[in-house]
Amino acid sequence: NLPVMVYIHGGGYSEGSGNSAIYGPNNLI
């Protein structure tokens, strides 16, 4: 029953992804 955070990436609605290379979990886990 842990809290959940859902991240939406930026990129001007034209680029980007949710990959961990930039948006990894280390600071939240």
PDB file of all heavy atoms in Angstrom:
ATOM      1  N   ASN A   1       0.817  -1.218   0.000  1.00  0.00           N
ATOM      2  CA  ASN A   1       0.000   0.000   0.000  1.00  0.00           C
ATOM      3  C   ASN A   1       0.852   1.269   0.000  1.00  0.00           C
ATOM      4  O   ASN A   1       0.587   2.230   0.732  1.00  0.00           O
ATOM      5  CB  ASN A   1      -0.933   0.007   1.204  1.00  0.00           C
ATOM      6  CG  ASN A   1      -2.330   0.483   0.850  1.00  0.00           C
ATOM      7  OD1 ASN A   1      -2.803   0.226  -0.254  1.00  0.00           O
ATOM      8  ND2 ASN A   1      -2.981   1.172   1.759  1.00  0.00           N
ATOM      9  N   LEU A   2       1.877   1.310  -0.845  1.00  0.00           N
ATOM     10  CA  LEU A   2       2.793   2.439  -0.902  1.00  0.00           C
ATOM     11  C   LEU A   2       2.224   3.575  -1.759  1.00  0.00           C
ATOM     12  O   LEU A   2       1.444   3.337  -2.682  1.00  0.00           O
ATOM     13  CB  LEU A   2       4.140   1.995  -1.493  1.00  0.00           C
ATOM     14  CG  LEU A   2       4.935   0.969  -0.690  1.00  0.00           C
ATOM     15  CD1 LEU A   2       6.176   0.544  -1.469  1.00  0.00           C
ATOM     16  CD2 LEU A   2       5.314   1.520   0.673  1.00  0.00           C
ATOM     17  N   PRO A   3       2.612   4.818  -1.480  1.00  0.00           N
ATOM     18  CA  PRO A   3       2.196   5.934  -2.342  1.00  0.00           C
ATOM     19  C   PRO A   3       2.777   5.773  -3.742  1.00  0.00           C
ATOM     20  O   PRO A   3       3.857   5.220  -3.934  1.00  0.00           O
ATOM     21  CB  PRO A   3       2.752   7.163  -1.629  1.00  0.00           C
ATOM     22  CG  PRO A   3       3.855   6.646  -0.767  1.00  0.00           C
ATOM     23  CD  PRO A   3       3.456   5.264  -0.366  1.00  0.00           C
ATOM     24  N   VAL A   4       2.040   6.297  -4.723  1.00  0.00           N
ATOM     25  CA  VAL A   4       2.401   6.145  -6.129  1.00  0.00           C
ATOM     26  C   VAL A   4       2.595   7.520  -6.749  1.00  0.00           C
ATOM     27  O   VAL A   4       1.826   8.446  -6.485  1.00  0.00           O
ATOM     28  CB  VAL A   4       1.294   5.383  -6.895  1.00  0.00           C
ATOM     29  CG1 VAL A   4       1.672   5.198  -8.365  1.00  0.00           C
ATOM     30  CG2 VAL A   4       1.008   4.045  -6.230  1.00  0.00           C
ATOM     31  N   MET A   5       3.641   7.659  -7.567  1.00  0.00           N
ATOM     32  CA  MET A   5       3.862   8.885  -8.334  1.00  0.00           C
ATOM     33  C   MET A   5       3.937   8.519  -9.812  1.00  0.00           C
ATOM     34  O   MET A   5       4.713   7.641 -10.203  1.00  0.00           O
ATOM     35  CB  MET A   5       5.137   9.588  -7.877  1.00  0.00           C
ATOM     36  CG  MET A   5       5.100  10.042  -6.425  1.00  0.00           C
ATOM     37  SD  MET A   5       6.512  11.079  -5.943  1.00  0.00           S
ATOM     38  CE  MET A   5       6.100  12.621  -6.780  1.00  0.00           C
ATOM     39  N   VAL A   6       3.112   9.167 -10.620  1.00  0.00           N
ATOM     40  CA  VAL A   6       3.074   8.925 -12.061  1.00  0.00           C
ATOM     41  C   VAL A   6       3.652  10.149 -12.758  1.00  0.00           C
ATOM     42  O   VAL A   6       3.142  11.266 -12.592  1.00  0.00           O
ATOM     43  CB  VAL A   6       1.639   8.669 -12.548  1.00  0.00           C
ATOM     44  CG1 VAL A   6       1.632   8.440 -14.068  1.00  0.00           C
ATOM     45  CG2 VAL A   6       1.028   7.472 -11.831  1.00  0.00           C
ATOM     46  N   TYR A   7       4.696   9.937 -13.545  1.00  0.00           N
ATOM     47  CA  TYR A   7       5.414  11.048 -14.190  1.00  0.00           C
ATOM     48  C   TYR A   7       5.094  11.128 -15.669  1.00  0.00           C
ATOM     49  O   TYR A   7       5.130  10.119 -16.383  1.00  0.00           O
ATOM     50  CB  TYR A   7       6.921  10.878 -14.011  1.00  0.00           C
ATOM     51  CG  TYR A   7       7.714  12.047 -14.546  1.00  0.00           C
ATOM     52  CD1 TYR A   7       7.788  13.236 -13.834  1.00  0.00           C
ATOM     53  CD2 TYR A   7       8.376  11.975 -15.770  1.00  0.00           C
ATOM     54  CE1 TYR A   7       8.494  14.326 -14.322  1.00  0.00           C
ATOM     55  CE2 TYR A   7       9.092  13.048 -16.268  1.00  0.00           C
ATOM     56  CZ  TYR A   7       9.148  14.221 -15.532  1.00  0.00           C
ATOM     57  OH  TYR A   7       9.842  15.296 -16.025  1.00  0.00           O
ATOM     58  N   ILE A   8       4.809  12.354 -16.146  1.00  0.00           N
ATOM     59  CA  ILE A   8       4.579  12.615 -17.567  1.00  0.00           C
ATOM     60  C   ILE A   8       5.750  13.433 -18.098  1.00  0.00           C
ATOM     61  O   ILE A   8       6.021  14.530 -17.605  1.00  0.00           O
ATOM     62  CB  ILE A   8       3.262  13.376 -17.789  1.00  0.00           C
ATOM     63  CG1 ILE A   8       2.092  12.606 -17.165  1.00  0.00           C
ATOM     64  CG2 ILE A   8       3.020  13.589 -19.283  1.00  0.00           C
ATOM     65  CD1 ILE A   8       0.762  13.325 -17.271  1.00  0.00           C
ATOM     66  N   HIS A   9       6.429  12.903 -19.097  1.00  0.00           N
ATOM     67  CA  HIS A   9       7.638  13.567 -19.598  1.00  0.00           C
ATOM     68  C   HIS A   9       7.301  14.798 -20.421  1.00  0.00           C
ATOM     69  O   HIS A   9       6.212  14.941 -20.999  1.00  0.00           O
ATOM     70  CB  HIS A   9       8.486  12.588 -20.413  1.00  0.00           C
ATOM     71  CG  HIS A   9       7.901  12.222 -21.751  1.00  0.00           C
ATOM     72  ND1 HIS A   9       7.977  13.051 -22.860  1.00  0.00           N
ATOM     73  CD2 HIS A   9       7.250  11.110 -22.178  1.00  0.00           C
ATOM     74  CE1 HIS A   9       7.408  12.466 -23.894  1.00  0.00           C
ATOM     75  NE2 HIS A   9       6.944  11.298 -23.510  1.00  0.00           N
ATOM     76  N   GLY A  10       8.256  15.705 -20.521  1.00  0.00           N
ATOM     77  CA  GLY A  10       8.144  16.892 -21.356  1.00  0.00           C
ATOM     78  C   GLY A  10       8.733  16.660 -22.733  1.00  0.00           C
ATOM     79  O   GLY A  10       9.028  15.533 -23.125  1.00  0.00           O
ATOM     80  N   GLY A  11       8.915  17.756 -23.463  1.00  0.00           N
ATOM     81  CA  GLY A  11       9.449  17.675 -24.815  1.00  0.00           C
ATOM     82  C   GLY A  11       8.587  18.379 -25.829  1.00  0.00           C
ATOM     83  O   GLY A  11       8.615  18.035 -27.022  1.00  0.00           O
ATOM     84  N   GLY A  12       7.797  19.369 -25.377  1.00  0.00           N
ATOM     85  CA  GLY A  12       7.005  20.150 -26.311  1.00  0.00           C
ATOM     86  C   GLY A  12       5.929  19.362 -27.029  1.00  0.00           C
ATOM     87  O   GLY A  12       5.503  19.749 -28.118  1.00  0.00           O
ATOM     88  N   TYR A  13       5.490  18.257 -26.461  1.00  0.00           N
ATOM     89  CA  TYR A  13       4.500  17.376 -27.090  1.00  0.00           C
ATOM     90  C   TYR A  13       4.996  16.816 -28.416  1.00  0.00           C
ATOM     91  O   TYR A  13       4.192  16.315 -29.215  1.00  0.00           O
ATOM     92  CB  TYR A  13       3.165  18.104 -27.306  1.00  0.00           C
ATOM     93  CG  TYR A  13       2.458  18.480 -26.032  1.00  0.00           C
ATOM     94  CD1 TYR A  13       2.484  19.795 -25.561  1.00  0.00           C
ATOM     95  CD2 TYR A  13       1.764  17.531 -25.287  1.00  0.00           C
ATOM     96  CE1 TYR A  13       1.833  20.154 -24.392  1.00  0.00           C
ATOM     97  CE2 TYR A  13       1.104  17.876 -24.116  1.00  0.00           C
ATOM     98  CZ  TYR A  13       1.148  19.197 -23.671  1.00  0.00           C
ATOM     99  OH  TYR A  13       0.497  19.535 -22.506  1.00  0.00           O
ATOM    100  N   SER A  14       6.299  16.875 -28.655  1.00  0.00           N
ATOM    101  CA  SER A  14       6.823  16.385 -29.932  1.00  0.00           C
ATOM    102  C   SER A  14       8.007  15.445 -29.771  1.00  0.00           C
ATOM    103  O   SER A  14       8.420  14.803 -30.742  1.00  0.00           O
ATOM    104  CB  SER A  14       7.239  17.557 -30.825  1.00  0.00           C
ATOM    105  OG  SER A  14       8.272  18.318 -30.219  1.00  0.00           O
ATOM    106  N   GLU A  15       8.567  15.351 -28.576  1.00  0.00           N
ATOM    107  CA  GLU A  15       9.712  14.461 -28.367  1.00  0.00           C
ATOM    108  C   GLU A  15       9.751  14.048 -26.909  1.00  0.00           C
ATOM    109  O   GLU A  15       8.983  14.520 -26.072  1.00  0.00           O
ATOM    110  CB  GLU A  15      11.017  15.159 -28.752  1.00  0.00           C
ATOM    111  CG  GLU A  15      11.310  16.413 -27.972  1.00  0.00           C
ATOM    112  CD  GLU A  15      12.550  17.138 -28.452  1.00  0.00           C
ATOM    113  OE1 GLU A  15      12.755  17.225 -29.684  1.00  0.00           O
ATOM    114  OE2 GLU A  15      13.313  17.618 -27.594  1.00  0.00           O
ATOM    115  N   GLY A  16      10.701  13.133 -26.599  1.00  0.00           N
ATOM    116  CA  GLY A  16      10.870  12.666 -25.235  1.00  0.00           C
ATOM    117  C   GLY A  16      10.263  11.289 -25.020  1.00  0.00           C
ATOM    118  O   GLY A  16       9.594  10.717 -25.885  1.00  0.00           O
ATOM    119  N   SER A  17      10.505  10.736 -23.833  1.00  0.00           N
ATOM    120  CA  SER A  17       9.959   9.434 -23.451  1.00  0.00           C
ATOM    121  C   SER A  17      10.074   9.289 -21.938  1.00  0.00           C
ATOM    122  O   SER A  17      10.677  10.128 -21.268  1.00  0.00           O
ATOM    123  CB  SER A  17      10.724   8.292 -24.146  1.00  0.00           C
ATOM    124  OG  SER A  17      12.003   8.114 -23.551  1.00  0.00           O
ATOM    125  N   GLY A  18       9.495   8.225 -21.429  1.00  0.00           N
ATOM    126  CA  GLY A  18       9.572   7.956 -20.000  1.00  0.00           C
ATOM    127  C   GLY A  18      10.737   7.068 -19.619  1.00  0.00           C
ATOM    128  O   GLY A  18      10.746   6.484 -18.534  1.00  0.00           O
ATOM    129  N   ASN A  19      11.738   6.955 -20.488  1.00  0.00           N
ATOM    130  CA  ASN A  19      12.864   6.057 -20.233  1.00  0.00           C
ATOM    131  C   ASN A  19      13.667   6.475 -19.006  1.00  0.00           C
ATOM    132  O   ASN A  19      13.771   7.652 -18.677  1.00  0.00           O
ATOM    133  CB  ASN A  19      13.790   6.008 -21.452  1.00  0.00           C
ATOM    134  CG  ASN A  19      13.111   5.367 -22.651  1.00  0.00           C
ATOM    135  OD1 ASN A  19      12.054   4.769 -22.527  1.00  0.00           O
ATOM    136  ND2 ASN A  19      13.705   5.516 -23.818  1.00  0.00           N
ATOM    137  N   SER A  20      14.292   5.499 -18.373  1.00  0.00           N
ATOM    138  CA  SER A  20      15.001   5.753 -17.121  1.00  0.00           C
ATOM    139  C   SER A  20      16.337   6.453 -17.311  1.00  0.00           C
ATOM    140  O   SER A  20      16.944   6.888 -16.331  1.00  0.00           O
ATOM    141  CB  SER A  20      15.250   4.427 -16.386  1.00  0.00           C
ATOM    142  OG  SER A  20      16.112   3.583 -17.134  1.00  0.00           O
ATOM    143  N   ALA A  21      16.803   6.586 -18.566  1.00  0.00           N
ATOM    144  CA  ALA A  21      18.060   7.289 -18.794  1.00  0.00           C
ATOM    145  C   ALA A  21      17.998   8.703 -18.231  1.00  0.00           C
ATOM    146  O   ALA A  21      19.002   9.247 -17.749  1.00  0.00           O
ATOM    147  CB  ALA A  21      18.383   7.329 -20.284  1.00  0.00           C
ATOM    148  N   ILE A  22      16.805   9.321 -18.276  1.00  0.00           N
ATOM    149  CA  ILE A  22      16.620  10.652 -17.704  1.00  0.00           C
ATOM    150  C   ILE A  22      15.716  10.594 -16.489  1.00  0.00           C
ATOM    151  O   ILE A  22      15.986  11.232 -15.470  1.00  0.00           O
ATOM    152  CB  ILE A  22      16.021  11.610 -18.755  1.00  0.00           C
ATOM    153  CG1 ILE A  22      16.962  11.734 -19.956  1.00  0.00           C
ATOM    154  CG2 ILE A  22      15.766  12.992 -18.153  1.00  0.00           C
ATOM    155  CD1 ILE A  22      16.421  12.610 -21.068  1.00  0.00           C
ATOM    156  N   TYR A  23      14.645   9.816 -16.577  1.00  0.00           N
ATOM    157  CA  TYR A  23      13.630   9.811 -15.519  1.00  0.00           C
ATOM    158  C   TYR A  23      13.667   8.496 -14.744  1.00  0.00           C
ATOM    159  O   TYR A  23      12.699   7.728 -14.740  1.00  0.00           O
ATOM    160  CB  TYR A  23      12.250  10.055 -16.130  1.00  0.00           C
ATOM    161  CG  TYR A  23      12.203  11.291 -16.991  1.00  0.00           C
ATOM    162  CD1 TYR A  23      11.923  11.218 -18.348  1.00  0.00           C
ATOM    163  CD2 TYR A  23      12.466  12.538 -16.441  1.00  0.00           C
ATOM    164  CE1 TYR A  23      11.886  12.359 -19.145  1.00  0.00           C
ATOM    165  CE2 TYR A  23      12.447  13.683 -17.225  1.00  0.00           C
ATOM    166  CZ  TYR A  23      12.158  13.584 -18.572  1.00  0.00           C
ATOM    167  OH  TYR A  23      12.130  14.713 -19.342  1.00  0.00           O
ATOM    168  N   GLY A  24      14.795   8.231 -14.112  1.00  0.00           N
ATOM    169  CA  GLY A  24      14.959   7.018 -13.339  1.00  0.00           C
ATOM    170  C   GLY A  24      14.382   7.138 -11.942  1.00  0.00           C
ATOM    171  O   GLY A  24      13.974   8.209 -11.497  1.00  0.00           O
ATOM    172  N   PRO A  25      14.363   6.031 -11.207  1.00  0.00           N
ATOM    173  CA  PRO A  25      13.671   5.996  -9.920  1.00  0.00           C
ATOM    174  C   PRO A  25      14.538   6.257  -8.698  1.00  0.00           C
ATOM    175  O   PRO A  25      14.018   6.289  -7.579  1.00  0.00           O
ATOM    176  CB  PRO A  25      13.171   4.550  -9.882  1.00  0.00           C
ATOM    177  CG  PRO A  25      14.278   3.778 -10.558  1.00  0.00           C
ATOM    178  CD  PRO A  25      14.804   4.689 -11.653  1.00  0.00           C
ATOM    179  N   ASN A  26      15.833   6.455  -8.873  1.00  0.00           N
ATOM    180  CA  ASN A  26      16.741   6.407  -7.724  1.00  0.00           C
ATOM    181  C   ASN A  26      16.437   7.437  -6.641  1.00  0.00           C
ATOM    182  O   ASN A  26      16.666   7.185  -5.454  1.00  0.00           O
ATOM    183  CB  ASN A  26      18.187   6.577  -8.203  1.00  0.00           C
ATOM    184  CG  ASN A  26      18.652   5.397  -9.031  1.00  0.00           C
ATOM    185  OD1 ASN A  26      18.118   4.301  -8.900  1.00  0.00           O
ATOM    186  ND2 ASN A  26      19.608   5.606  -9.913  1.00  0.00           N
ATOM    187  N   ASN A  27      15.927   8.606  -7.015  1.00  0.00           N
ATOM    188  CA  ASN A  27      15.670   9.639  -6.012  1.00  0.00           C
ATOM    189  C   ASN A  27      14.340   9.459  -5.295  1.00  0.00           C
ATOM    190  O   ASN A  27      14.056  10.197  -4.337  1.00  0.00           O
ATOM    191  CB  ASN A  27      15.705  11.024  -6.666  1.00  0.00           C
ATOM    192  CG  ASN A  27      17.095  11.399  -7.131  1.00  0.00           C
ATOM    193  OD1 ASN A  27      18.090  11.037  -6.514  1.00  0.00           O
ATOM    194  ND2 ASN A  27      17.176  12.114  -8.244  1.00  0.00           N
ATOM    195  N   LEU A  28      13.527   8.524  -5.745  1.00  0.00           N
ATOM    196  CA  LEU A  28      12.219   8.325  -5.118  1.00  0.00           C
ATOM    197  C   LEU A  28      12.079   6.976  -4.430  1.00  0.00           C
ATOM    198  O   LEU A  28      11.404   6.866  -3.407  1.00  0.00           O
ATOM    199  CB  LEU A  28      11.113   8.472  -6.179  1.00  0.00           C
ATOM    200  CG  LEU A  28      10.944   9.874  -6.785  1.00  0.00           C
ATOM    201  CD1 LEU A  28       9.966   9.842  -7.945  1.00  0.00           C
ATOM    202  CD2 LEU A  28      10.471  10.854  -5.726  1.00  0.00           C
ATOM    203  N   ILE A  29      12.705   5.953  -5.008  1.00  0.00           N
ATOM    204  CA  ILE A  29      12.558   4.603  -4.465  1.00  0.00           C
ATOM    205  C   ILE A  29      12.964   4.535  -3.008  1.00  0.00           C
ATOM    206  O   ILE A  29      12.307   3.895  -2.176  1.00  0.00           O
ATOM    207  CB  ILE A  29      13.381   3.602  -5.302  1.00  0.00           C
ATOM    208  CG1 ILE A  29      12.709   3.386  -6.654  1.00  0.00           C
ATOM    209  CG2 ILE A  29      13.548   2.273  -4.574  1.00  0.00           C
ATOM    210  CD1 ILE A  29      11.358   2.720  -6.581  1.00  0.00           C
TER     211      ILE A  29
END
